[in-house]
Amino acid sequence: MNTSTIQSQETDELSSFDAIKEAHTLLGDPENIRQYYEKWAKAYNQDVSNEMYSGPEYISVYFDMLPKQDSKFLNLRDPAIKILDSGCGTGLVGVALRHRGYQHIDGFDLSQNMVREAESTQAYRTLTGNCDMTQRIVAYQDNSYDATISCGVFTLGHVPPTAIEEMIRVTKPGGLVVVSTRKSYYDSTDFQSVYKRLQTEKKVTLVSYIMDGPYIAEEGAHYWAFRVS
């Protein structure tokens, strides 16, 4: 189905599986993505639950277990650290982090309707809509957060691997950038070469990764933790 059909067809006419697969055809175009998620927002949680989406819970556990490496490294178990949920969607990651005791979580998303769903969780301190990770997001200053997390964003039809650079920009030196990459996305993009370039440029250091972790019924994802230099 082409993008013109996406814009004219309500997502609630699709099965949960088809709605997710349709999102993978958006070609990384921000306006197509925005329009699709504006329509999908109300049904999103039920659709991904139907497909056993475990990524948000898994990434929160992964984040919580990352070690303190030296005296200068972020204390990940401090509930007062500032966390930014990048591409927060309906707030599933924020809810999972709150359940693990983290108290200071902000979030942003491209879709304003998804942000409205996230607001209803009461897991976030602040939320901002209409934020495109492929551009500089003026709402967030450099070096503002102890950690930035993104789950379900680095996936087919969504952002390019270079979008991780905006997460790095807003994270404090010594802080963490933690992301999921759906397996098919990782296999079909240059994510690996992008993060290796960022390491060569001394912008980040790879702290930890998990290959083929739980994500959704159809396939797994890889999970990555980078320390900002």
Foldseek 3Di string as FASTA:
>chain_A
DALVVLLVDQLVVDALVVLVVVLLRQQADLVSNQSNLLRCQVVNVVSQVVQVFCFLLVLLVVQQPQDQDDPLADPSLPLAFAEEEEQCFLNSNLLNNVVSRRQEYEYEHLYPSRQVNNVVVVSYPYYYYNDALVDQGVVAAFQAGLEYEYEPQQERNHHALCSVVNRLRRHHQNHKYKYKHFPVSVVPHVNVVVVVVCVVVQQWDWRDKDPFDPGGNVGGIIMTMIGGD
